[in-house]
PDB file of N, CA and C in Angstrom:
ATOM      1  N   UNK A   1     -15.149  -5.021  10.782  1.00  0.00           N
ATOM      2  CA  UNK A   1     -14.863  -3.597  10.857  1.00  0.00           C
ATOM      3  C   UNK A   1     -13.386  -3.283  10.954  1.00  0.00           C
ATOM      4  N   UNK A   2     -13.177  -2.308   9.945  1.00  0.00           N
ATOM      5  CA  UNK A   2     -11.877  -1.480   9.822  1.00  0.00           C
ATOM      6  C   UNK A   2     -11.599  -0.966  10.788  1.00  0.00           C
ATOM      7  N   UNK A   3      -9.932  -0.587  10.481  1.00  0.00           N
ATOM      8  CA  UNK A   3      -9.445   0.412  11.656  1.00  0.00           C
ATOM      9  C   UNK A   3      -8.735   1.651  11.083  1.00  0.00           C
ATOM     10  N   UNK A   4      -8.908   2.389  11.893  1.00  0.00           N
ATOM     11  CA  UNK A   4      -8.711   4.008  11.345  1.00  0.00           C
ATOM     12  C   UNK A   4      -7.637   4.498  12.259  1.00  0.00           C
ATOM     13  N   UNK A   5      -6.626   5.404  11.715  1.00  0.00           N
ATOM     14  CA  UNK A   5      -5.937   6.279  12.490  1.00  0.00           C
ATOM     15  C   UNK A   5      -6.547   7.742  12.456  1.00  0.00           C
ATOM     16  N   UNK A   6      -6.930   8.240  13.364  1.00  0.00           N
ATOM     17  CA  UNK A   6      -7.175   9.468  13.282  1.00  0.00           C
ATOM     18  C   UNK A   6      -6.324  10.267  14.464  1.00  0.00           C
ATOM     19  N   UNK A   7      -5.185  11.153  13.517  1.00  0.00           N
ATOM     20  CA  UNK A   7      -4.314  11.883  13.894  1.00  0.00           C
ATOM     21  C   UNK A   7      -4.694  13.271  14.279  1.00  0.00           C
ATOM     22  N   UNK A   8      -4.511  13.816  15.542  1.00  0.00           N
ATOM     23  CA  UNK A   8      -4.694  15.197  15.920  1.00  0.00           C
ATOM     24  C   UNK A   8      -3.664  16.034  15.480  1.00  0.00           C
ATOM     25  N   UNK A   9      -3.796  16.812  14.719  1.00  0.00           N
ATOM     26  CA  UNK A   9      -2.849  18.032  14.158  1.00  0.00           C
ATOM     27  C   UNK A   9      -2.612  18.971  15.227  1.00  0.00           C
ATOM     28  N   UNK A  10      -1.632  19.693  15.605  1.00  0.00           N
ATOM     29  CA  UNK A  10      -1.328  20.872  16.088  1.00  0.00           C
ATOM     30  C   UNK A  10      -0.402  21.698  15.489  1.00  0.00           C
ATOM     31  N   UNK A  11      -0.235  23.129  15.835  1.00  0.00           N
ATOM     32  CA  UNK A  11       0.692  24.033  14.897  1.00  0.00           C
ATOM     33  C   UNK A  11       1.280  24.759  16.177  1.00  0.00           C
ATOM     34  N   UNK A  12       1.190  24.199  17.358  1.00  0.00           N
ATOM     35  CA  UNK A  12       2.100  24.770  18.513  1.00  0.00           C
ATOM     36  C   UNK A  12       2.341  23.623  19.407  1.00  0.00           C
ATOM     37  N   UNK A  13       2.993  23.980  20.276  1.00  0.00           N
ATOM     38  CA  UNK A  13       3.305  22.793  21.143  1.00  0.00           C
ATOM     39  C   UNK A  13       2.357  23.197  22.688  1.00  0.00           C
ATOM     40  N   UNK A  14       1.535  23.860  22.457  1.00  0.00           N
ATOM     41  CA  UNK A  14       0.687  24.168  23.691  1.00  0.00           C
ATOM     42  C   UNK A  14      -0.213  22.983  23.871  1.00  0.00           C
ATOM     43  N   UNK A  15      -0.376  22.240  25.158  1.00  0.00           N
ATOM     44  CA  UNK A  15      -0.792  21.071  25.476  1.00  0.00           C
ATOM     45  C   UNK A  15      -2.471  21.751  25.549  1.00  0.00           C
ATOM     46  N   UNK A  16      -3.401  20.600  25.311  1.00  0.00           N
ATOM     47  CA  UNK A  16      -4.932  20.675  25.581  1.00  0.00           C
ATOM     48  C   UNK A  16      -5.030  21.535  27.015  1.00  0.00           C
ATOM     49  N   UNK A  17      -6.254  22.171  27.029  1.00  0.00           N
ATOM     50  CA  UNK A  17      -6.393  23.012  28.179  1.00  0.00           C
ATOM     51  C   UNK A  17      -7.219  21.951  29.280  1.00  0.00           C
ATOM     52  N   UNK A  18      -7.530  22.137  30.098  1.00  0.00           N
ATOM     53  CA  UNK A  18      -8.283  21.367  31.000  1.00  0.00           C
ATOM     54  C   UNK A  18      -9.760  21.064  30.463  1.00  0.00           C
ATOM     55  N   UNK A  19     -10.397  22.214  29.977  1.00  0.00           N
ATOM     56  CA  UNK A  19     -11.330  21.968  29.366  1.00  0.00           C
ATOM     57  C   UNK A  19     -11.526  21.032  28.205  1.00  0.00           C
ATOM     58  N   UNK A  20     -10.542  21.355  27.220  1.00  0.00           N
ATOM     59  CA  UNK A  20     -10.292  20.414  26.114  1.00  0.00           C
ATOM     60  C   UNK A  20     -10.227  18.775  26.847  1.00  0.00           C
ATOM     61  N   UNK A  21      -9.176  18.624  27.629  1.00  0.00           N
ATOM     62  CA  UNK A  21      -9.073  17.433  28.215  1.00  0.00           C
ATOM     63  C   UNK A  21     -10.363  16.800  28.722  1.00  0.00           C
ATOM     64  N   UNK A  22     -11.298  17.555  29.342  1.00  0.00           N
ATOM     65  CA  UNK A  22     -12.454  17.083  29.721  1.00  0.00           C
ATOM     66  C   UNK A  22     -13.068  16.348  28.737  1.00  0.00           C
ATOM     67  N   UNK A  23     -13.167  17.212  27.621  1.00  0.00           N
ATOM     68  CA  UNK A  23     -14.055  16.806  26.322  1.00  0.00           C
ATOM     69  C   UNK A  23     -13.305  15.748  25.601  1.00  0.00           C
ATOM     70  N   UNK A  24     -12.163  15.644  25.703  1.00  0.00           N
ATOM     71  CA  UNK A  24     -11.425  14.338  25.031  1.00  0.00           C
ATOM     72  C   UNK A  24     -11.784  13.152  25.824  1.00  0.00           C
ATOM     73  N   UNK A  25     -11.786  13.036  27.360  1.00  0.00           N
ATOM     74  CA  UNK A  25     -12.176  12.249  28.335  1.00  0.00           C
ATOM     75  C   UNK A  25     -13.570  11.616  27.805  1.00  0.00           C
ATOM     76  N   UNK A  26     -14.561  12.521  27.746  1.00  0.00           N
ATOM     77  CA  UNK A  26     -16.039  12.296  27.656  1.00  0.00           C
ATOM     78  C   UNK A  26     -15.967  11.354  26.002  1.00  0.00           C
ATOM     79  N   UNK A  27     -15.151  12.055  24.983  1.00  0.00           N
ATOM     80  CA  UNK A  27     -15.255  11.300  23.820  1.00  0.00           C
ATOM     81  C   UNK A  27     -14.636   9.975  23.677  1.00  0.00           C
ATOM     82  N   UNK A  28     -13.721   9.812  24.563  1.00  0.00           N
ATOM     83  CA  UNK A  28     -13.023   8.415  24.764  1.00  0.00           C
ATOM     84  C   UNK A  28     -13.890   7.630  25.259  1.00  0.00           C
ATOM     85  N   UNK A  29     -14.597   7.976  26.213  1.00  0.00           N
ATOM     86  CA  UNK A  29     -15.778   7.216  26.871  1.00  0.00           C
ATOM     87  C   UNK A  29     -16.770   6.667  25.809  1.00  0.00           C
ATOM     88  N   UNK A  30     -17.152   7.716  25.160  1.00  0.00           N
ATOM     89  CA  UNK A  30     -18.121   7.435  23.890  1.00  0.00           C
ATOM     90  C   UNK A  30     -17.539   6.584  23.073  1.00  0.00           C
ATOM     91  N   UNK A  31     -16.420   6.559  22.515  1.00  0.00           N
ATOM     92  CA  UNK A  31     -15.981   5.505  21.750  1.00  0.00           C
ATOM     93  C   UNK A  31     -15.909   4.199  22.304  1.00  0.00           C
ATOM     94  N   UNK A  32     -15.496   3.952  23.705  1.00  0.00           N
ATOM     95  CA  UNK A  32     -15.635   2.733  24.320  1.00  0.00           C
ATOM     96  C   UNK A  32     -16.784   2.191  24.404  1.00  0.00           C
ATOM     97  N   UNK A  33     -17.932   3.011  24.789  1.00  0.00           N
ATOM     98  CA  UNK A  33     -19.327   2.712  24.898  1.00  0.00           C
ATOM     99  C   UNK A  33     -19.827   2.128  23.635  1.00  0.00           C
ATOM    100  N   UNK A  34     -19.693   2.675  22.668  1.00  0.00           N
ATOM    101  CA  UNK A  34     -20.162   2.471  21.172  1.00  0.00           C
ATOM    102  C   UNK A  34     -19.237   1.154  20.535  1.00  0.00           C
ATOM    103  N   UNK A  35     -18.340   0.596  20.996  1.00  0.00           N
ATOM    104  CA  UNK A  35     -17.230  -0.075  20.599  1.00  0.00           C
ATOM    105  C   UNK A  35     -16.196   0.088  19.264  1.00  0.00           C
ATOM    106  N   UNK A  36     -16.085   1.499  19.408  1.00  0.00           N
ATOM    107  CA  UNK A  36     -15.218   1.891  18.297  1.00  0.00           C
ATOM    108  C   UNK A  36     -13.887   2.109  18.963  1.00  0.00           C
ATOM    109  N   UNK A  37     -13.587   2.084  20.259  1.00  0.00           N
ATOM    110  CA  UNK A  37     -12.339   2.177  20.639  1.00  0.00           C
ATOM    111  C   UNK A  37     -11.217   1.317  20.370  1.00  0.00           C
ATOM    112  N   UNK A  38      -9.920   1.331  20.064  1.00  0.00           N
ATOM    113  CA  UNK A  38      -8.759   0.385  20.148  1.00  0.00           C
ATOM    114  C   UNK A  38      -7.838   0.927  20.935  1.00  0.00           C
ATOM    115  N   UNK A  39      -7.205   2.258  20.901  1.00  0.00           N
ATOM    116  CA  UNK A  39      -6.284   2.804  21.646  1.00  0.00           C
ATOM    117  C   UNK A  39      -5.989   4.245  21.335  1.00  0.00           C
ATOM    118  N   UNK A  40      -5.608   5.089  22.032  1.00  0.00           N
ATOM    119  CA  UNK A  40      -5.431   6.621  22.216  1.00  0.00           C
ATOM    120  C   UNK A  40      -4.268   6.852  22.765  1.00  0.00           C
ATOM    121  N   UNK A  41      -3.707   8.125  22.525  1.00  0.00           N
ATOM    122  CA  UNK A  41      -2.464   8.568  22.958  1.00  0.00           C
ATOM    123  C   UNK A  41      -2.053   9.821  22.696  1.00  0.00           C
ATOM    124  N   UNK A  42      -1.558  10.561  23.465  1.00  0.00           N
ATOM    125  CA  UNK A  42      -0.754  11.760  23.268  1.00  0.00           C
ATOM    126  C   UNK A  42       0.669  11.714  22.980  1.00  0.00           C
ATOM    127  N   UNK A  43       1.324  12.826  22.297  1.00  0.00           N
ATOM    128  CA  UNK A  43       2.420  12.527  21.775  1.00  0.00           C
ATOM    129  C   UNK A  43       3.464  13.626  22.274  1.00  0.00           C
ATOM    130  N   UNK A  44       4.719  13.448  22.631  1.00  0.00           N
ATOM    131  CA  UNK A  44       5.671  14.731  23.097  1.00  0.00           C
ATOM    132  C   UNK A  44       5.855  15.464  21.575  1.00  0.00           C
ATOM    133  N   UNK A  45       6.300  16.692  22.196  1.00  0.00           N
ATOM    134  CA  UNK A  45       6.343  17.517  20.921  1.00  0.00           C
ATOM    135  C   UNK A  45       7.491  17.108  20.156  1.00  0.00           C
ATOM    136  N   UNK A  46       7.872  17.812  18.941  1.00  0.00           N
ATOM    137  CA  UNK A  46       8.696  17.194  17.802  1.00  0.00           C
ATOM    138  C   UNK A  46       9.853  17.286  18.356  1.00  0.00           C
ATOM    139  N   UNK A  47      10.112  18.337  19.116  1.00  0.00           N
ATOM    140  CA  UNK A  47      11.733  18.251  19.559  1.00  0.00           C
ATOM    141  C   UNK A  47      12.287  17.037  20.590  1.00  0.00           C
ATOM    142  N   UNK A  48      11.053  16.403  21.024  1.00  0.00           N
ATOM    143  CA  UNK A  48      11.417  15.221  21.733  1.00  0.00           C
ATOM    144  C   UNK A  48      11.716  14.110  20.751  1.00  0.00           C
ATOM    145  N   UNK A  49      11.774  14.013  19.537  1.00  0.00           N
ATOM    146  CA  UNK A  49      11.572  12.966  18.535  1.00  0.00           C
ATOM    147  C   UNK A  49      13.228  12.637  18.521  1.00  0.00           C
ATOM    148  N   UNK A  50      13.379  11.238  18.024  1.00  0.00           N
ATOM    149  CA  UNK A  50      14.575  10.592  17.750  1.00  0.00           C
ATOM    150  C   UNK A  50      14.385   9.788  16.406  1.00  0.00           C
ATOM    151  N   UNK A  51      14.891  10.230  15.295  1.00  0.00           N
ATOM    152  CA  UNK A  51      14.776   9.620  14.139  1.00  0.00           C
ATOM    153  C   UNK A  51      15.903   8.419  14.213  1.00  0.00           C
ATOM    154  N   UNK A  52      15.298   7.167  13.791  1.00  0.00           N
ATOM    155  CA  UNK A  52      16.360   5.861  13.714  1.00  0.00           C
ATOM    156  C   UNK A  52      16.303   5.329  12.488  1.00  0.00           C
ATOM    157  N   UNK A  53      17.491   5.358  12.016  1.00  0.00           N
ATOM    158  CA  UNK A  53      17.674   4.578  10.412  1.00  0.00           C
ATOM    159  C   UNK A  53      18.725   3.404  10.444  1.00  0.00           C
ATOM    160  N   UNK A  54      18.373   2.351  10.391  1.00  0.00           N
ATOM    161  CA  UNK A  54      18.788   1.235  10.645  1.00  0.00           C
ATOM    162  C   UNK A  54      19.012   0.407   9.140  1.00  0.00           C
ATOM    163  N   UNK A  55      18.725   1.290   8.250  1.00  0.00           N
ATOM    164  CA  UNK A  55      18.826   0.664   6.982  1.00  0.00           C
ATOM    165  C   UNK A  55      20.144   0.095   6.180  1.00  0.00           C
ATOM    166  N   UNK A  56      21.191   0.831   6.715  1.00  0.00           N
ATOM    167  CA  UNK A  56      22.339   0.296   6.303  1.00  0.00           C
ATOM    168  C   UNK A  56      23.272  -0.023   7.186  1.00  0.00           C
ATOM    169  N   UNK A  57      23.074  -1.260   7.908  1.00  0.00           N
ATOM    170  CA  UNK A  57      23.789  -1.821   8.894  1.00  0.00           C
ATOM    171  C   UNK A  57      23.568  -1.403  10.407  1.00  0.00           C
ATOM    172  N   UNK A  58      24.332  -0.687  10.955  1.00  0.00           N
ATOM    173  CA  UNK A  58      24.093  -0.229  12.247  1.00  0.00           C
ATOM    174  C   UNK A  58      23.332   1.109  12.395  1.00  0.00           C
ATOM    175  N   UNK A  59      22.583   1.176  12.947  1.00  0.00           N
ATOM    176  CA  UNK A  59      21.632   2.304  13.180  1.00  0.00           C
ATOM    177  C   UNK A  59      21.987   3.693  13.530  1.00  0.00           C
ATOM    178  N   UNK A  60      21.584   4.632  12.832  1.00  0.00           N
ATOM    179  CA  UNK A  60      22.128   6.052  13.039  1.00  0.00           C
ATOM    180  C   UNK A  60      20.799   6.544  13.727  1.00  0.00           C
ATOM    181  N   UNK A  61      21.231   7.624  14.740  1.00  0.00           N
ATOM    182  CA  UNK A  61      20.124   8.186  15.648  1.00  0.00           C
ATOM    183  C   UNK A  61      20.418   9.965  15.497  1.00  0.00           C
ATOM    184  N   UNK A  62      19.163  10.284  15.114  1.00  0.00           N
ATOM    185  CA  UNK A  62      19.191  11.803  14.883  1.00  0.00           C
ATOM    186  C   UNK A  62      18.183  12.390  15.705  1.00  0.00           C
ATOM    187  N   UNK A  63      18.832  13.357  16.682  1.00  0.00           N
ATOM    188  CA  UNK A  63      17.726  14.280  17.546  1.00  0.00           C
ATOM    189  C   UNK A  63      16.542  15.117  16.415  1.00  0.00           C
ATOM    190  N   UNK A  64      15.683  15.314  16.949  1.00  0.00           N
ATOM    191  CA  UNK A  64      14.666  16.032  16.042  1.00  0.00           C
ATOM    192  C   UNK A  64      13.778  15.447  15.518  1.00  0.00           C
ATOM    193  N   UNK A  65      12.615  16.269  14.836  1.00  0.00           N
ATOM    194  CA  UNK A  65      11.681  15.631  14.144  1.00  0.00           C
ATOM    195  C   UNK A  65      12.048  15.133  12.713  1.00  0.00           C
ATOM    196  N   UNK A  66      11.599  14.054  12.203  1.00  0.00           N
ATOM    197  CA  UNK A  66      11.859  13.573  10.516  1.00  0.00           C
ATOM    198  C   UNK A  66      11.635  14.779   9.734  1.00  0.00           C
ATOM    199  N   UNK A  67      10.524  15.379   9.783  1.00  0.00           N
ATOM    200  CA  UNK A  67      10.158  16.210   9.116  1.00  0.00           C
ATOM    201  C   UNK A  67      10.010  17.742   9.923  1.00  0.00           C
ATOM    202  N   UNK A  68      10.621  18.880   9.194  1.00  0.00           N
ATOM    203  CA  UNK A  68      10.123  20.200   9.734  1.00  0.00           C
ATOM    204  C   UNK A  68       8.875  20.562   9.033  1.00  0.00           C
ATOM    205  N   UNK A  69       7.928  20.931   9.939  1.00  0.00           N
ATOM    206  CA  UNK A  69       6.780  21.173   9.683  1.00  0.00           C
ATOM    207  C   UNK A  69       6.085  22.149  10.054  1.00  0.00           C
ATOM    208  N   UNK A  70       5.228  23.227  10.206  1.00  0.00           N
ATOM    209  CA  UNK A  70       4.360  23.900  10.864  1.00  0.00           C
ATOM    210  C   UNK A  70       3.409  23.077  11.570  1.00  0.00           C
ATOM    211  N   UNK A  71       3.061  21.967  11.239  1.00  0.00           N
ATOM    212  CA  UNK A  71       1.986  21.231  11.901  1.00  0.00           C
ATOM    213  C   UNK A  71       2.493  19.768  12.119  1.00  0.00           C
ATOM    214  N   UNK A  72       2.064  19.325  13.390  1.00  0.00           N
ATOM    215  CA  UNK A  72       2.861  17.985  13.611  1.00  0.00           C
ATOM    216  C   UNK A  72       1.692  17.275  14.542  1.00  0.00           C
ATOM    217  N   UNK A  73       1.924  16.075  14.528  1.00  0.00           N
ATOM    218  CA  UNK A  73       0.917  15.063  15.235  1.00  0.00           C
ATOM    219  C   UNK A  73       1.153  15.082  16.651  1.00  0.00           C
ATOM    220  N   UNK A  74      -0.057  15.710  17.134  1.00  0.00           N
ATOM    221  CA  UNK A  74       0.087  15.472  18.768  1.00  0.00           C
ATOM    222  C   UNK A  74      -0.581  14.438  19.789  1.00  0.00           C
ATOM    223  N   UNK A  75      -1.149  13.801  19.167  1.00  0.00           N
ATOM    224  CA  UNK A  75      -1.982  12.750  19.609  1.00  0.00           C
ATOM    225  C   UNK A  75      -2.786  12.057  18.664  1.00  0.00           C
ATOM    226  N   UNK A  76      -3.406  10.982  19.179  1.00  0.00           N
ATOM    227  CA  UNK A  76      -3.952  10.184  17.829  1.00  0.00           C
ATOM    228  C   UNK A  76      -5.184   9.161  18.598  1.00  0.00           C
ATOM    229  N   UNK A  77      -5.969   8.669  17.750  1.00  0.00           N
ATOM    230  CA  UNK A  77      -6.914   7.598  18.115  1.00  0.00           C
ATOM    231  C   UNK A  77      -6.807   6.356  17.060  1.00  0.00           C
ATOM    232  N   UNK A  78      -6.732   5.283  17.572  1.00  0.00           N
ATOM    233  CA  UNK A  78      -6.938   4.078  16.659  1.00  0.00           C
ATOM    234  C   UNK A  78      -8.532   3.650  17.009  1.00  0.00           C
ATOM    235  N   UNK A  79      -9.430   3.686  15.772  1.00  0.00           N
ATOM    236  CA  UNK A  79     -10.449   3.502  15.997  1.00  0.00           C
ATOM    237  C   UNK A  79     -11.041   2.361  15.187  1.00  0.00           C
ATOM    238  N   UNK A  80     -11.918   1.545  15.374  1.00  0.00           N
ATOM    239  CA  UNK A  80     -12.766   0.610  14.635  1.00  0.00           C
ATOM    240  C   UNK A  80     -14.148   1.322  14.302  1.00  0.00           C
ATOM    241  N   UNK A  81     -14.367   0.947  12.597  1.00  0.00           N
ATOM    242  CA  UNK A  81     -15.575   1.532  12.274  1.00  0.00           C
ATOM    243  C   UNK A  81     -16.178   0.778  11.109  1.00  0.00           C
ATOM    244  N   UNK A  82     -17.300   0.365  10.815  1.00  0.00           N
ATOM    245  CA  UNK A  82     -17.679  -0.328   9.948  1.00  0.00           C
ATOM    246  C   UNK A  82     -17.166   0.147   8.390  1.00  0.00           C
ATOM    247  N   UNK A  83     -17.264   1.491   8.340  1.00  0.00           N
ATOM    248  CA  UNK A  83     -16.433   1.846   6.951  1.00  0.00           C
ATOM    249  C   UNK A  83     -16.126   3.459   7.284  1.00  0.00           C
ATOM    250  N   UNK A  84     -15.503   3.899   6.143  1.00  0.00           N
ATOM    251  CA  UNK A  84     -14.939   5.285   5.939  1.00  0.00           C
ATOM    252  C   UNK A  84     -15.920   6.302   6.554  1.00  0.00           C
ATOM    253  N   UNK A  85     -17.185   6.308   6.065  1.00  0.00           N
ATOM    254  CA  UNK A  85     -18.128   7.138   6.473  1.00  0.00           C
ATOM    255  C   UNK A  85     -18.321   7.132   7.996  1.00  0.00           C
ATOM    256  N   UNK A  86     -18.538   6.351   8.782  1.00  0.00           N
ATOM    257  CA  UNK A  86     -18.505   6.067  10.106  1.00  0.00           C
ATOM    258  C   UNK A  86     -17.343   6.857  10.731  1.00  0.00           C
ATOM    259  N   UNK A  87     -15.952   6.317  10.168  1.00  0.00           N
ATOM    260  CA  UNK A  87     -14.864   6.831  10.542  1.00  0.00           C
ATOM    261  C   UNK A  87     -14.935   8.260  10.484  1.00  0.00           C
ATOM    262  N   UNK A  88     -15.383   9.046   9.580  1.00  0.00           N
ATOM    263  CA  UNK A  88     -15.057  10.308   9.363  1.00  0.00           C
ATOM    264  C   UNK A  88     -16.248  11.029  10.149  1.00  0.00           C
ATOM    265  N   UNK A  89     -17.345  10.448  10.265  1.00  0.00           N
ATOM    266  CA  UNK A  89     -18.286  11.201  11.263  1.00  0.00           C
ATOM    267  C   UNK A  89     -17.888  11.154  12.808  1.00  0.00           C
ATOM    268  N   UNK A  90     -17.048   9.817  13.076  1.00  0.00           N
ATOM    269  CA  UNK A  90     -16.411  10.077  14.435  1.00  0.00           C
ATOM    270  C   UNK A  90     -15.005  10.833  14.494  1.00  0.00           C
ATOM    271  N   UNK A  91     -14.348  11.097  13.325  1.00  0.00           N
ATOM    272  CA  UNK A  91     -13.276  11.854  13.689  1.00  0.00           C
ATOM    273  C   UNK A  91     -13.703  13.634  13.404  1.00  0.00           C
ATOM    274  N   UNK A  92     -15.015  13.861  13.000  1.00  0.00           N
ATOM    275  CA  UNK A  92     -15.411  15.197  13.305  1.00  0.00           C
ATOM    276  C   UNK A  92     -15.942  15.357  14.407  1.00  0.00           C
ATOM    277  N   UNK A  93     -16.321  14.416  15.191  1.00  0.00           N
ATOM    278  CA  UNK A  93     -16.555  14.404  16.761  1.00  0.00           C
ATOM    279  C   UNK A  93     -15.387  14.722  17.437  1.00  0.00           C
ATOM    280  N   UNK A  94     -14.196  13.880  16.985  1.00  0.00           N
ATOM    281  CA  UNK A  94     -13.034  14.022  17.700  1.00  0.00           C
ATOM    282  C   UNK A  94     -12.421  15.434  17.687  1.00  0.00           C
ATOM    283  N   UNK A  95     -12.594  15.739  16.523  1.00  0.00           N
ATOM    284  CA  UNK A  95     -11.961  17.299  16.350  1.00  0.00           C
ATOM    285  C   UNK A  95     -12.785  18.199  17.135  1.00  0.00           C
ATOM    286  N   UNK A  96     -13.982  18.122  17.056  1.00  0.00           N
ATOM    287  CA  UNK A  96     -14.701  19.050  18.018  1.00  0.00           C
ATOM    288  C   UNK A  96     -14.353  19.048  19.472  1.00  0.00           C
ATOM    289  N   UNK A  97     -14.062  17.624  19.928  1.00  0.00           N
ATOM    290  CA  UNK A  97     -13.864  17.492  21.440  1.00  0.00           C
ATOM    291  C   UNK A  97     -12.183  18.078  21.772  1.00  0.00           C
ATOM    292  N   UNK A  98     -11.761  17.839  20.672  1.00  0.00           N
ATOM    293  CA  UNK A  98      -9.982  18.119  21.079  1.00  0.00           C
ATOM    294  C   UNK A  98      -9.806  19.273  20.580  1.00  0.00           C
ATOM    295  N   UNK A  99     -10.820  20.140  20.012  1.00  0.00           N
ATOM    296  CA  UNK A  99     -10.685  21.491  19.416  1.00  0.00           C
ATOM    297  C   UNK A  99      -9.448  21.517  18.669  1.00  0.00           C
ATOM    298  N   UNK A 100      -9.239  20.638  17.764  1.00  0.00           N
ATOM    299  CA  UNK A 100      -7.961  20.776  16.820  1.00  0.00           C
ATOM    300  C   UNK A 100      -8.572  20.184  15.513  1.00  0.00           C
ATOM    301  N   UNK A 101      -7.756  20.342  14.345  1.00  0.00           N
ATOM    302  CA  UNK A 101      -7.742  19.534  13.094  1.00  0.00           C
ATOM    303  C   UNK A 101      -7.514  17.962  13.184  1.00  0.00           C
ATOM    304  N   UNK A 102      -7.868  17.111  12.529  1.00  0.00           N
ATOM    305  CA  UNK A 102      -7.353  15.816  12.625  1.00  0.00           C
ATOM    306  C   UNK A 102      -7.557  15.291  11.311  1.00  0.00           C
ATOM    307  N   UNK A 103      -6.600  14.249  10.873  1.00  0.00           N
ATOM    308  CA  UNK A 103      -6.463  13.578   9.776  1.00  0.00           C
ATOM    309  C   UNK A 103      -6.830  12.112  10.026  1.00  0.00           C
ATOM    310  N   UNK A 104      -7.490  11.535   9.032  1.00  0.00           N
ATOM    311  CA  UNK A 104      -8.380  10.213   9.019  1.00  0.00           C
ATOM    312  C   UNK A 104      -7.662   9.312   8.073  1.00  0.00           C
ATOM    313  N   UNK A 105      -6.806   8.252   8.413  1.00  0.00           N
ATOM    314  CA  UNK A 105      -6.217   7.187   7.620  1.00  0.00           C
ATOM    315  C   UNK A 105      -6.725   5.806   7.825  1.00  0.00           C
ATOM    316  N   UNK A 106      -6.857   5.027   6.875  1.00  0.00           N
ATOM    317  CA  UNK A 106      -7.014   3.779   7.108  1.00  0.00           C
ATOM    318  C   UNK A 106      -5.858   2.751   7.761  1.00  0.00           C
ATOM    319  N   UNK A 107      -5.774   2.102   8.618  1.00  0.00           N
ATOM    320  CA  UNK A 107      -4.855   0.933   8.996  1.00  0.00           C
ATOM    321  C   UNK A 107      -4.976  -0.035   7.987  1.00  0.00           C
ATOM    322  N   UNK A 108      -3.585  -0.459   7.191  1.00  0.00           N
ATOM    323  CA  UNK A 108      -3.989  -1.318   6.381  1.00  0.00           C
ATOM    324  C   UNK A 108      -3.495  -2.721   7.122  1.00  0.00           C
ATOM    325  N   UNK A 109      -4.162  -3.777   6.646  1.00  0.00           N
ATOM    326  CA  UNK A 109      -3.910  -4.958   7.112  1.00  0.00           C
ATOM    327  C   UNK A 109      -4.647  -5.463   8.342  1.00  0.00           C
ATOM    328  N   UNK A 110      -5.571  -4.541   8.951  1.00  0.00           N
ATOM    329  CA  UNK A 110      -6.038  -4.533  10.163  1.00  0.00           C
ATOM    330  C   UNK A 110      -7.351  -5.567  10.144  1.00  0.00           C
TER     331      UNK A 110
END
């Protein structure tokens, strides 16, 4: 089975409602029951980010997001699926449950 990153996209810092959280928990249980679950989590807003650049010696730390963007990643799932078609089907369900758009990308070397 291959692994896929399903990134949850948001255009505001508004967190999930209680109804959305209930749906997300139900989806997580389904992923676990069907053997697709690897890991999932929510992320702080971009203004809590710190960019770290250690390429040229001592690390340089910069507050704030790496990219200025209208949308950002608010959470994610790492799932296992037999192929991209299965991953996309699961991503569609995840999008419905969290009430947000999602992006699917394969995890390389997993």
